[in-house]
Amino acid sequence: KRLGKPNAKILYSEITALSNKDGYCHASNGYFAKLYDVDSTTTSKWI
């Protein structure tokens, strides 16, 4: 519940998917912002 709304949790799941190739995710805040139609500041807070 400390993560608040589901957004950060969904982002975590996305990061695991993007980690399949190299074992880590190197996508930027801008990438996630476009993916979820929010601004980069918001995705930065989730991370």
All heavy atoms as atom14 arrays in JSON, in Angstrom:
{
  "sequence": "KRLGKPNAKILYSEITALSNKDGYCHASNGYFAKLYDVDSTTTSKWI",
  "atom14_mask": [
    [1, 1, 1, 1, 1, 1, 1, 1, 1, 0, 0, 0, 0, 0],
    [1, 1, 1, 1, 1, 1, 1, 1, 1, 1, 1, 0, 0, 0],
    [1, 1, 1, 1, 1, 1, 1, 1, 0, 0, 0, 0, 0, 0],
    [1, 1, 1, 1, 0, 0, 0, 0, 0, 0, 0, 0, 0, 0],
    [1, 1, 1, 1, 1, 1, 1, 1, 1, 0, 0, 0, 0, 0],
    [1, 1, 1, 1, 1, 1, 1, 0, 0, 0, 0, 0, 0, 0],
    [1, 1, 1, 1, 1, 1, 1, 1, 0, 0, 0, 0, 0, 0],
    [1, 1, 1, 1, 1, 0, 0, 0, 0, 0, 0, 0, 0, 0],
    [1, 1, 1, 1, 1, 1, 1, 1, 1, 0, 0, 0, 0, 0],
    [1, 1, 1, 1, 1, 1, 1, 1, 0, 0, 0, 0, 0, 0],
    [1, 1, 1, 1, 1, 1, 1, 1, 0, 0, 0, 0, 0, 0],
    [1, 1, 1, 1, 1, 1, 1, 1, 1, 1, 1, 1, 0, 0],
    [1, 1, 1, 1, 1, 1, 0, 0, 0, 0, 0, 0, 0, 0],
    [1, 1, 1, 1, 1, 1, 1, 1, 1, 0, 0, 0, 0, 0],
    [1, 1, 1, 1, 1, 1, 1, 1, 0, 0, 0, 0, 0, 0],
    [1, 1, 1, 1, 1, 1, 1, 0, 0, 0, 0, 0, 0, 0],
    [1, 1, 1, 1, 1, 0, 0, 0, 0, 0, 0, 0, 0, 0],
    [1, 1, 1, 1, 1, 1, 1, 1, 0, 0, 0, 0, 0, 0],
    [1, 1, 1, 1, 1, 1, 0, 0, 0, 0, 0, 0, 0, 0],
    [1, 1, 1, 1, 1, 1, 1, 1, 0, 0, 0, 0, 0, 0],
    [1, 1, 1, 1, 1, 1, 1, 1, 1, 0, 0, 0, 0, 0],
    [1, 1, 1, 1, 1, 1, 1, 1, 0, 0, 0, 0, 0, 0],
    [1, 1, 1, 1, 0, 0, 0, 0, 0, 0, 0, 0, 0, 0],
    [1, 1, 1, 1, 1, 1, 1, 1, 1, 1, 1, 1, 0, 0],
    [1, 1, 1, 1, 1, 1, 0, 0, 0, 0, 0, 0, 0, 0],
    [1, 1, 1, 1, 1, 1, 1, 1, 1, 1, 0, 0, 0, 0],
    [1, 1, 1, 1, 1, 0, 0, 0, 0, 0, 0, 0, 0, 0],
    [1, 1, 1, 1, 1, 1, 0, 0, 0, 0, 0, 0, 0, 0],
    [1, 1, 1, 1, 1, 1, 1, 1, 0, 0, 0, 0, 0, 0],
    [1, 1, 1, 1, 0, 0, 0, 0, 0, 0, 0, 0, 0, 0],
    [1, 1, 1, 1, 1, 1, 1, 1, 1, 1, 1, 1, 0, 0],
    [1, 1, 1, 1, 1, 1, 1, 1, 1, 1, 1, 0, 0, 0],
    [1, 1, 1, 1, 1, 0, 0, 0, 0, 0, 0, 0, 0, 0],
    [1, 1, 1, 1, 1, 1, 1, 1, 1, 0, 0, 0, 0, 0],
    [1, 1, 1, 1, 1, 1, 1, 1, 0, 0, 0, 0, 0, 0],
    [1, 1, 1, 1, 1, 1, 1, 1, 1, 1, 1, 1, 0, 0],
    [1, 1, 1, 1, 1, 1, 1, 1, 0, 0, 0, 0, 0, 0],
    [1, 1, 1, 1, 1, 1, 1, 0, 0, 0, 0, 0, 0, 0],
    [1, 1, 1, 1, 1, 1, 1, 1, 0, 0, 0, 0, 0, 0],
    [1, 1, 1, 1, 1, 1, 0, 0, 0, 0, 0, 0, 0, 0],
    [1, 1, 1, 1, 1, 1, 1, 0, 0, 0, 0, 0, 0, 0],
    [1, 1, 1, 1, 1, 1, 1, 0, 0, 0, 0, 0, 0, 0],
    [1, 1, 1, 1, 1, 1, 1, 0, 0, 0, 0, 0, 0, 0],
    [1, 1, 1, 1, 1, 1, 0, 0, 0, 0, 0, 0, 0, 0],
    [1, 1, 1, 1, 1, 1, 1, 1, 1, 0, 0, 0, 0, 0],
    [1, 1, 1, 1, 1, 1, 1, 1, 1, 1, 1, 1, 1, 1],
    [1, 1, 1, 1, 1, 1, 1, 1, 0, 0, 0, 0, 0, 0]
  ],
  "atom14_positions": [
    [[0.81, -1.21, 0.0], [0.0, 0.0, 0.0], [0.85, 1.27, 0.0], [0.35, 2.35, -0.32], [-0.94, 0.0, 1.21], [-1.97, -1.12, 1.17], [-2.87, -1.09, 2.39], [-3.9, -2.2, 2.33], [-4.78, -2.21, 3.54], [0.0, 0.0, 0.0], [0.0, 0.0, 0.0], [0.0, 0.0, 0.0], [0.0, 0.0, 0.0], [0.0, 0.0, 0.0]],
    [[2.12, 1.14, 0.36], [3.0, 2.32, 0.36], [3.23, 2.86, -1.04], [3.61, 4.02, -1.21], [4.35, 1.95, 1.0], [4.25, 1.51, 2.44], [5.57, 0.97, 2.94], [6.0, -0.19, 2.16], [7.16, -0.81, 2.34], [8.01, -0.37, 3.27], [7.48, -1.85, 1.61], [0.0, 0.0, 0.0], [0.0, 0.0, 0.0], [0.0, 0.0, 0.0]],
    [[3.01, 2.03, -2.04], [3.22, 2.45, -3.43], [2.04, 3.26, -3.98], [2.12, 3.77, -5.09], [3.47, 1.23, -4.32], [4.73, 0.42, -3.99], [4.8, -0.82, -4.86], [5.99, 1.26, -4.16], [0.0, 0.0, 0.0], [0.0, 0.0, 0.0], [0.0, 0.0, 0.0], [0.0, 0.0, 0.0], [0.0, 0.0, 0.0], [0.0, 0.0, 0.0]],
    [[0.97, 3.36, -3.17], [-0.16, 4.18, -3.58], [-0.98, 3.54, -4.68], [-1.24, 2.34, -4.68], [0.0, 0.0, 0.0], [0.0, 0.0, 0.0], [0.0, 0.0, 0.0], [0.0, 0.0, 0.0], [0.0, 0.0, 0.0], [0.0, 0.0, 0.0], [0.0, 0.0, 0.0], [0.0, 0.0, 0.0], [0.0, 0.0, 0.0], [0.0, 0.0, 0.0]],
    [[-1.38, 4.35, -5.66], [-2.21, 3.88, -6.76], [-1.46, 2.83, -7.57], [-0.23, 2.74, -7.51], [-2.63, 5.06, -7.63], [-3.54, 6.04, -6.91], [-3.93, 7.2, -7.81], [-4.84, 8.16, -7.08], [-5.26, 9.3, -7.93], [0.0, 0.0, 0.0], [0.0, 0.0, 0.0], [0.0, 0.0, 0.0], [0.0, 0.0, 0.0], [0.0, 0.0, 0.0]],
    [[-2.18, 2.05, -8.4], [-1.55, 0.94, -9.13], [-0.46, 1.34, -10.12], [0.3, 0.48, -10.57], [-2.74, 0.29, -9.87], [-3.93, 0.71, -9.12], [-3.63, 2.07, -8.6], [0.0, 0.0, 0.0], [0.0, 0.0, 0.0], [0.0, 0.0, 0.0], [0.0, 0.0, 0.0], [0.0, 0.0, 0.0], [0.0, 0.0, 0.0], [0.0, 0.0, 0.0]],
    [[-0.36, 2.63, -10.46], [0.55, 3.04, -11.53], [1.99, 2.58, -11.32], [2.63, 2.06, -12.24], [0.53, 4.56, -11.66], [-0.87, 5.11, -11.91], [-1.84, 4.49, -11.53], [-0.98, 6.25, -12.56], [0.0, 0.0, 0.0], [0.0, 0.0, 0.0], [0.0, 0.0, 0.0], [0.0, 0.0, 0.0], [0.0, 0.0, 0.0], [0.0, 0.0, 0.0]],
    [[2.52, 2.77, -10.11], [3.9, 2.38, -9.84], [4.07, 0.87, -9.95], [5.11, 0.37, -10.39], [4.33, 2.87, -8.46], [0.0, 0.0, 0.0], [0.0, 0.0, 0.0], [0.0, 0.0, 0.0], [0.0, 0.0, 0.0], [0.0, 0.0, 0.0], [0.0, 0.0, 0.0], [0.0, 0.0, 0.0], [0.0, 0.0, 0.0], [0.0, 0.0, 0.0]],
    [[3.02, 0.14, -9.57], [3.08, -1.32, -9.63], [3.07, -1.81, -11.08], [3.79, -2.74, -11.44], [1.91, -1.91, -8.85], [1.88, -1.46, -7.39], [0.61, -1.87, -6.68], [0.55, -1.28, -5.28], [-0.68, -1.64, -4.56], [0.0, 0.0, 0.0], [0.0, 0.0, 0.0], [0.0, 0.0, 0.0], [0.0, 0.0, 0.0], [0.0, 0.0, 0.0]],
    [[2.24, -1.15, -11.89], [2.2, -1.48, -13.32], [3.55, -1.16, -13.96], [4.06, -1.92, -14.8], [1.07, -0.71, -14.03], [-0.29, -1.17, -13.48], [1.14, -0.91, -15.53], [-1.45, -0.33, -13.94], [0.0, 0.0, 0.0], [0.0, 0.0, 0.0], [0.0, 0.0, 0.0], [0.0, 0.0, 0.0], [0.0, 0.0, 0.0], [0.0, 0.0, 0.0]],
    [[4.14, -0.05, -13.55], [5.45, 0.33, -14.08], [6.51, -0.71, -13.71], [7.36, -1.06, -14.53], [5.86, 1.7, -13.54], [7.24, 2.2, -13.97], [7.32, 2.36, -15.48], [7.56, 3.54, -13.29], [0.0, 0.0, 0.0], [0.0, 0.0, 0.0], [0.0, 0.0, 0.0], [0.0, 0.0, 0.0], [0.0, 0.0, 0.0], [0.0, 0.0, 0.0]],
    [[6.43, -1.22, -12.47], [7.37, -2.27, -12.05], [7.27, -3.47, -12.99], [8.28, -4.02, -13.44], [7.08, -2.71, -10.62], [7.94, -3.87, -10.16], [9.17, -3.66, -9.58], [7.51, -5.19, -10.36], [9.97, -4.73, -9.18], [8.3, -6.26, -9.97], [9.53, -6.02, -9.38], [10.31, -7.09, -9.0], [0.0, 0.0, 0.0], [0.0, 0.0, 0.0]],
    [[6.04, -3.88, -13.29], [5.83, -5.02, -14.18], [6.42, -4.74, -15.57], [7.05, -5.62, -16.18], [4.33, -5.32, -14.3], [4.1, -6.41, -15.15], [0.0, 0.0, 0.0], [0.0, 0.0, 0.0], [0.0, 0.0, 0.0], [0.0, 0.0, 0.0], [0.0, 0.0, 0.0], [0.0, 0.0, 0.0], [0.0, 0.0, 0.0], [0.0, 0.0, 0.0]],
    [[6.23, -3.52, -16.05], [6.79, -3.14, -17.35], [8.31, -3.21, -17.34], [8.95, -3.66, -18.31], [6.34, -1.71, -17.71], [6.78, -1.24, -19.08], [6.07, -1.96, -20.22], [4.96, -2.48, -20.0], [6.62, -2.01, -21.32], [0.0, 0.0, 0.0], [0.0, 0.0, 0.0], [0.0, 0.0, 0.0], [0.0, 0.0, 0.0], [0.0, 0.0, 0.0]],
    [[8.9, -2.79, -16.24], [10.36, -2.8, -16.11], [10.9, -4.23, -16.14], [11.95, -4.51, -16.72], [10.81, -2.05, -14.84], [10.57, -0.55, -15.02], [12.28, -2.31, -14.52], [10.76, 0.28, -13.77], [0.0, 0.0, 0.0], [0.0, 0.0, 0.0], [0.0, 0.0, 0.0], [0.0, 0.0, 0.0], [0.0, 0.0, 0.0], [0.0, 0.0, 0.0]],
    [[10.16, -5.17, -15.51], [10.6, -6.58, -15.57], [10.58, -7.08, -17.0], [11.44, -7.86, -17.41], [9.73, -7.49, -14.68], [8.41, -7.57, -15.2], [9.71, -7.01, -13.25], [0.0, 0.0, 0.0], [0.0, 0.0, 0.0], [0.0, 0.0, 0.0], [0.0, 0.0, 0.0], [0.0, 0.0, 0.0], [0.0, 0.0, 0.0], [0.0, 0.0, 0.0]],
    [[9.57, -6.65, -17.77], [9.49, -7.08, -19.18], [10.65, -6.51, -19.98], [11.27, -7.21, -20.79], [8.16, -6.62, -19.78], [0.0, 0.0, 0.0], [0.0, 0.0, 0.0], [0.0, 0.0, 0.0], [0.0, 0.0, 0.0], [0.0, 0.0, 0.0], [0.0, 0.0, 0.0], [0.0, 0.0, 0.0], [0.0, 0.0, 0.0], [0.0, 0.0, 0.0]],
    [[10.98, -5.24, -19.73], [12.06, -4.6, -20.47], [13.45, -5.1, -20.02], [14.45, -4.81, -20.67], [11.98, -3.08, -20.29], [10.77, -2.4, -20.96], [10.66, -0.95, -20.51], [10.88, -2.48, -22.47], [0.0, 0.0, 0.0], [0.0, 0.0, 0.0], [0.0, 0.0, 0.0], [0.0, 0.0, 0.0], [0.0, 0.0, 0.0], [0.0, 0.0, 0.0]],
    [[13.47, -5.83, -18.91], [14.74, -6.37, -18.4], [15.06, -7.74, -18.98], [16.1, -8.31, -18.67], [14.7, -6.46, -16.86], [14.51, -5.19, -16.29], [0.0, 0.0, 0.0], [0.0, 0.0, 0.0], [0.0, 0.0, 0.0], [0.0, 0.0, 0.0], [0.0, 0.0, 0.0], [0.0, 0.0, 0.0], [0.0, 0.0, 0.0], [0.0, 0.0, 0.0]],
    [[14.17, -8.27, -19.79], [14.37, -9.62, -20.32], [15.63, -9.76, -21.14], [16.32, -10.78, -21.08], [13.17, -10.02, -21.19], [12.11, -10.77, -20.39], [12.16, -11.98, -20.28], [11.18, -10.03, -19.82], [0.0, 0.0, 0.0], [0.0, 0.0, 0.0], [0.0, 0.0, 0.0], [0.0, 0.0, 0.0], [0.0, 0.0, 0.0], [0.0, 0.0, 0.0]],
    [[15.98, -8.75, -21.92], [17.11, -8.87, -22.84], [18.44, -8.83, -22.11], [19.31, -9.68, -22.33], [17.05, -7.74, -23.88], [18.17, -7.82, -24.91], [18.06, -6.7, -25.92], [19.21, -6.75, -26.92], [19.15, -5.64, -27.9], [0.0, 0.0, 0.0], [0.0, 0.0, 0.0], [0.0, 0.0, 0.0], [0.0, 0.0, 0.0], [0.0, 0.0, 0.0]],
    [[18.65, -7.83, -21.24], [19.96, -7.61, -20.62], [19.98, -7.86, -19.12], [21.03, -7.77, -18.49], [20.43, -6.17, -20.87], [20.59, -5.87, -22.35], [21.22, -6.69, -23.04], [20.1, -4.83, -22.82], [0.0, 0.0, 0.0], [0.0, 0.0, 0.0], [0.0, 0.0, 0.0], [0.0, 0.0, 0.0], [0.0, 0.0, 0.0], [0.0, 0.0, 0.0]],
    [[18.8, -8.13, -18.53], [18.76, -8.32, -17.09], [18.51, -7.03, -16.35], [18.41, -7.01, -15.12], [0.0, 0.0, 0.0], [0.0, 0.0, 0.0], [0.0, 0.0, 0.0], [0.0, 0.0, 0.0], [0.0, 0.0, 0.0], [0.0, 0.0, 0.0], [0.0, 0.0, 0.0], [0.0, 0.0, 0.0], [0.0, 0.0, 0.0], [0.0, 0.0, 0.0]],
    [[18.43, -5.92, -17.06], [18.09, -4.63, -16.47], [17.36, -3.81, -17.52], [17.38, -4.12, -18.71], [19.35, -3.89, -15.99], [20.37, -3.64, -17.07], [20.26, -2.53, -17.92], [21.44, -4.51, -17.26], [21.2, -2.3, -18.93], [22.38, -4.29, -18.26], [22.25, -3.19, -19.08], [23.17, -2.96, -20.08], [0.0, 0.0, 0.0], [0.0, 0.0, 0.0]],
    [[16.72, -2.74, -17.07], [15.96, -1.87, -17.97], [16.68, -0.54, -18.11], [17.07, 0.06, -17.1], [14.56, -1.66, -17.4], [13.62, -0.34, -18.19], [0.0, 0.0, 0.0], [0.0, 0.0, 0.0], [0.0, 0.0, 0.0], [0.0, 0.0, 0.0], [0.0, 0.0, 0.0], [0.0, 0.0, 0.0], [0.0, 0.0, 0.0], [0.0, 0.0, 0.0]],
    [[16.89, -0.07, -19.34], [17.56, 1.21, -19.53], [16.64, 2.26, -20.17], [17.09, 3.3, -20.65], [18.83, 1.05, -20.39], [18.6, 0.35, -21.7], [17.96, 0.93, -22.76], [18.91, -0.92, -22.09], [17.91, 0.08, -23.76], [18.46, -1.06, -23.38], [0.0, 0.0, 0.0], [0.0, 0.0, 0.0], [0.0, 0.0, 0.0], [0.0, 0.0, 0.0]],
    [[15.32, 1.99, -20.15], [14.36, 2.95, -20.7], [14.36, 4.23, -19.85], [14.53, 4.2, -18.64], [12.97, 2.34, -20.73], [0.0, 0.0, 0.0], [0.0, 0.0, 0.0], [0.0, 0.0, 0.0], [0.0, 0.0, 0.0], [0.0, 0.0, 0.0], [0.0, 0.0, 0.0], [0.0, 0.0, 0.0], [0.0, 0.0, 0.0], [0.0, 0.0, 0.0]],
    [[14.14, 5.36, -20.51], [14.16, 6.66, -19.84], [12.79, 7.02, -19.27], [11.77, 6.39, -19.59], [14.57, 7.75, -20.83], [13.58, 7.89, -21.85], [0.0, 0.0, 0.0], [0.0, 0.0, 0.0], [0.0, 0.0, 0.0], [0.0, 0.0, 0.0], [0.0, 0.0, 0.0], [0.0, 0.0, 0.0], [0.0, 0.0, 0.0], [0.0, 0.0, 0.0]],
    [[12.77, 8.05, -18.43], [11.49, 8.54, -17.91], [10.6, 9.01, -19.05], [9.37, 8.86, -19.0], [11.73, 9.71, -16.94], [12.38, 9.25, -15.65], [12.39, 8.06, -15.34], [12.94, 10.18, -14.91], [0.0, 0.0, 0.0], [0.0, 0.0, 0.0], [0.0, 0.0, 0.0], [0.0, 0.0, 0.0], [0.0, 0.0, 0.0], [0.0, 0.0, 0.0]],
    [[11.21, 9.58, -20.09], [10.46, 10.03, -21.25], [9.76, 8.88, -21.96], [8.63, 9.03, -22.42], [0.0, 0.0, 0.0], [0.0, 0.0, 0.0], [0.0, 0.0, 0.0], [0.0, 0.0, 0.0], [0.0, 0.0, 0.0], [0.0, 0.0, 0.0], [0.0, 0.0, 0.0], [0.0, 0.0, 0.0], [0.0, 0.0, 0.0], [0.0, 0.0, 0.0]],
    [[10.44, 7.75, -22.04], [9.85, 6.57, -22.68], [8.59, 6.14, -21.92], [7.53, 5.9, -22.52], [10.86, 5.42, -22.69], [10.27, 4.1, -23.13], [10.21, 3.76, -24.48], [9.78, 3.19, -22.19], [9.66, 2.54, -24.89], [9.23, 1.98, -22.59], [9.17, 1.66, -23.94], [8.62, 0.47, -24.33], [0.0, 0.0, 0.0], [0.0, 0.0, 0.0]],
    [[8.71, 6.06, -20.59], [7.56, 5.64, -19.78], [6.45, 6.69, -19.83], [5.27, 6.35, -19.78], [7.99, 5.39, -18.34], [8.89, 4.2, -18.18], [10.13, 4.32, -17.56], [8.51, 2.95, -18.64], [10.96, 3.22, -17.4], [9.33, 1.84, -18.49], [10.56, 1.98, -17.87], [0.0, 0.0, 0.0], [0.0, 0.0, 0.0], [0.0, 0.0, 0.0]],
    [[6.83, 7.96, -19.89], [5.83, 9.03, -19.96], [4.98, 8.89, -21.21], [3.74, 9.01, -21.17], [6.52, 10.4, -19.93], [0.0, 0.0, 0.0], [0.0, 0.0, 0.0], [0.0, 0.0, 0.0], [0.0, 0.0, 0.0], [0.0, 0.0, 0.0], [0.0, 0.0, 0.0], [0.0, 0.0, 0.0], [0.0, 0.0, 0.0], [0.0, 0.0, 0.0]],
    [[5.61, 8.62, -22.35], [4.87, 8.43, -23.6], [4.03, 7.16, -23.54], [2.9, 7.11, -24.04], [5.85, 8.35, -24.77], [6.52, 9.67, -25.1], [7.48, 9.52, -26.27], [8.17, 10.85, -26.6], [9.14, 10.69, -27.71], [0.0, 0.0, 0.0], [0.0, 0.0, 0.0], [0.0, 0.0, 0.0], [0.0, 0.0, 0.0], [0.0, 0.0, 0.0]],
    [[4.59, 6.12, -22.93], [3.89, 4.84, -22.85], [2.59, 4.96, -22.07], [1.57, 4.38, -22.45], [4.81, 3.79, -22.19], [4.3, 2.36, -22.12], [4.12, 1.77, -23.51], [5.27, 1.5, -21.3], [0.0, 0.0, 0.0], [0.0, 0.0, 0.0], [0.0, 0.0, 0.0], [0.0, 0.0, 0.0], [0.0, 0.0, 0.0], [0.0, 0.0, 0.0]],
    [[2.61, 5.72, -20.96], [1.45, 5.82, -20.09], [0.73, 7.16, -20.19], [-0.17, 7.44, -19.4], [1.87, 5.57, -18.63], [2.38, 4.16, -18.42], [3.71, 3.92, -18.09], [1.53, 3.06, -18.57], [4.17, 2.63, -17.9], [1.99, 1.77, -18.39], [3.31, 1.56, -18.05], [3.76, 0.28, -17.89], [0.0, 0.0, 0.0], [0.0, 0.0, 0.0]],
    [[1.14, 7.97, -21.17], [0.49, 9.25, -21.43], [0.46, 10.15, -20.19], [-0.58, 10.7, -19.8], [-0.95, 9.02, -21.93], [-1.54, 10.27, -22.58], [-0.75, 11.12, -23.03], [-2.77, 10.4, -22.61], [0.0, 0.0, 0.0], [0.0, 0.0, 0.0], [0.0, 0.0, 0.0], [0.0, 0.0, 0.0], [0.0, 0.0, 0.0], [0.0, 0.0, 0.0]],
    [[1.63, 10.28, -19.55], [1.8, 11.18, -18.41], [3.08, 11.97, -18.65], [3.77, 11.77, -19.65], [1.89, 10.4, -17.08], [0.58, 9.68, -16.79], [3.06, 9.41, -17.11], [0.0, 0.0, 0.0], [0.0, 0.0, 0.0], [0.0, 0.0, 0.0], [0.0, 0.0, 0.0], [0.0, 0.0, 0.0], [0.0, 0.0, 0.0], [0.0, 0.0, 0.0]],
    [[3.42, 12.89, -17.73], [4.66, 13.63, -17.9], [5.82, 12.9, -17.23], [5.62, 12.0, -16.4], [4.55, 15.06, -17.36], [4.13, 15.11, -15.9], [4.82, 14.49, -15.07], [3.11, 15.75, -15.58], [0.0, 0.0, 0.0], [0.0, 0.0, 0.0], [0.0, 0.0, 0.0], [0.0, 0.0, 0.0], [0.0, 0.0, 0.0], [0.0, 0.0, 0.0]],
    [[7.04, 13.29, -17.58], [8.25, 12.62, -17.08], [8.39, 12.74, -15.57], [8.93, 11.85, -14.91], [9.49, 13.19, -17.77], [9.47, 12.93, -19.15], [0.0, 0.0, 0.0], [0.0, 0.0, 0.0], [0.0, 0.0, 0.0], [0.0, 0.0, 0.0], [0.0, 0.0, 0.0], [0.0, 0.0, 0.0], [0.0, 0.0, 0.0], [0.0, 0.0, 0.0]],
    [[7.91, 13.86, -15.01], [7.98, 14.05, -13.56], [7.19, 12.98, -12.83], [7.61, 12.46, -11.79], [7.44, 15.44, -13.18], [8.19, 16.44, -13.86], [7.56, 15.67, -11.68], [0.0, 0.0, 0.0], [0.0, 0.0, 0.0], [0.0, 0.0, 0.0], [0.0, 0.0, 0.0], [0.0, 0.0, 0.0], [0.0, 0.0, 0.0], [0.0, 0.0, 0.0]],
    [[6.05, 12.62, -13.4], [5.2, 11.59, -12.78], [5.88, 10.23, -12.8], [5.91, 9.52, -11.78], [3.85, 11.5, -13.53], [3.2, 12.77, -13.45], [2.96, 10.44, -12.91], [0.0, 0.0, 0.0], [0.0, 0.0, 0.0], [0.0, 0.0, 0.0], [0.0, 0.0, 0.0], [0.0, 0.0, 0.0], [0.0, 0.0, 0.0], [0.0, 0.0, 0.0]],
    [[6.44, 9.85, -13.94], [7.12, 8.54, -14.01], [8.34, 8.52, -13.11], [8.68, 7.49, -12.53], [7.52, 8.2, -15.45], [8.36, 9.23, -15.98], [6.3, 8.06, -16.33], [0.0, 0.0, 0.0], [0.0, 0.0, 0.0], [0.0, 0.0, 0.0], [0.0, 0.0, 0.0], [0.0, 0.0, 0.0], [0.0, 0.0, 0.0], [0.0, 0.0, 0.0]],
    [[9.0, 9.68, -12.98], [10.15, 9.78, -12.08], [9.73, 9.51, -10.63], [10.45, 8.84, -9.88], [10.79, 11.17, -12.19], [11.86, 11.3, -11.29], [0.0, 0.0, 0.0], [0.0, 0.0, 0.0], [0.0, 0.0, 0.0], [0.0, 0.0, 0.0], [0.0, 0.0, 0.0], [0.0, 0.0, 0.0], [0.0, 0.0, 0.0], [0.0, 0.0, 0.0]],
    [[8.56, 10.02, -10.24], [8.05, 9.79, -8.89], [7.75, 8.31, -8.67], [8.02, 7.77, -7.6], [6.8, 10.63, -8.65], [7.07, 12.13, -8.51], [5.78, 12.9, -8.3], [6.06, 14.4, -8.18], [4.79, 15.18, -8.02], [0.0, 0.0, 0.0], [0.0, 0.0, 0.0], [0.0, 0.0, 0.0], [0.0, 0.0, 0.0], [0.0, 0.0, 0.0]],
    [[7.16, 7.66, -9.68], [6.86, 6.22, -9.55], [8.14, 5.42, -9.35], [8.22, 4.54, -8.49], [6.14, 5.72, -10.8], [4.8, 6.34, -11.05], [4.05, 7.04, -10.14], [4.05, 6.29, -12.26], [2.88, 7.46, -10.74], [2.84, 7.0, -12.04], [4.27, 5.73, -13.51], [1.88, 7.16, -13.03], [3.31, 5.88, -14.5], [2.12, 6.6, -14.26]],
    [[9.15, 5.75, -10.15], [10.42, 5.03, -10.05], [11.06, 5.28, -8.69], [11.59, 4.36, -8.05], [11.37, 5.45, -11.19], [10.85, 4.9, -12.52], [12.8, 4.96, -10.93], [11.58, 5.43, -13.74], [0.0, 0.0, 0.0], [0.0, 0.0, 0.0], [0.0, 0.0, 0.0], [0.0, 0.0, 0.0], [0.0, 0.0, 0.0], [0.0, 0.0, 0.0]]
  ]
}
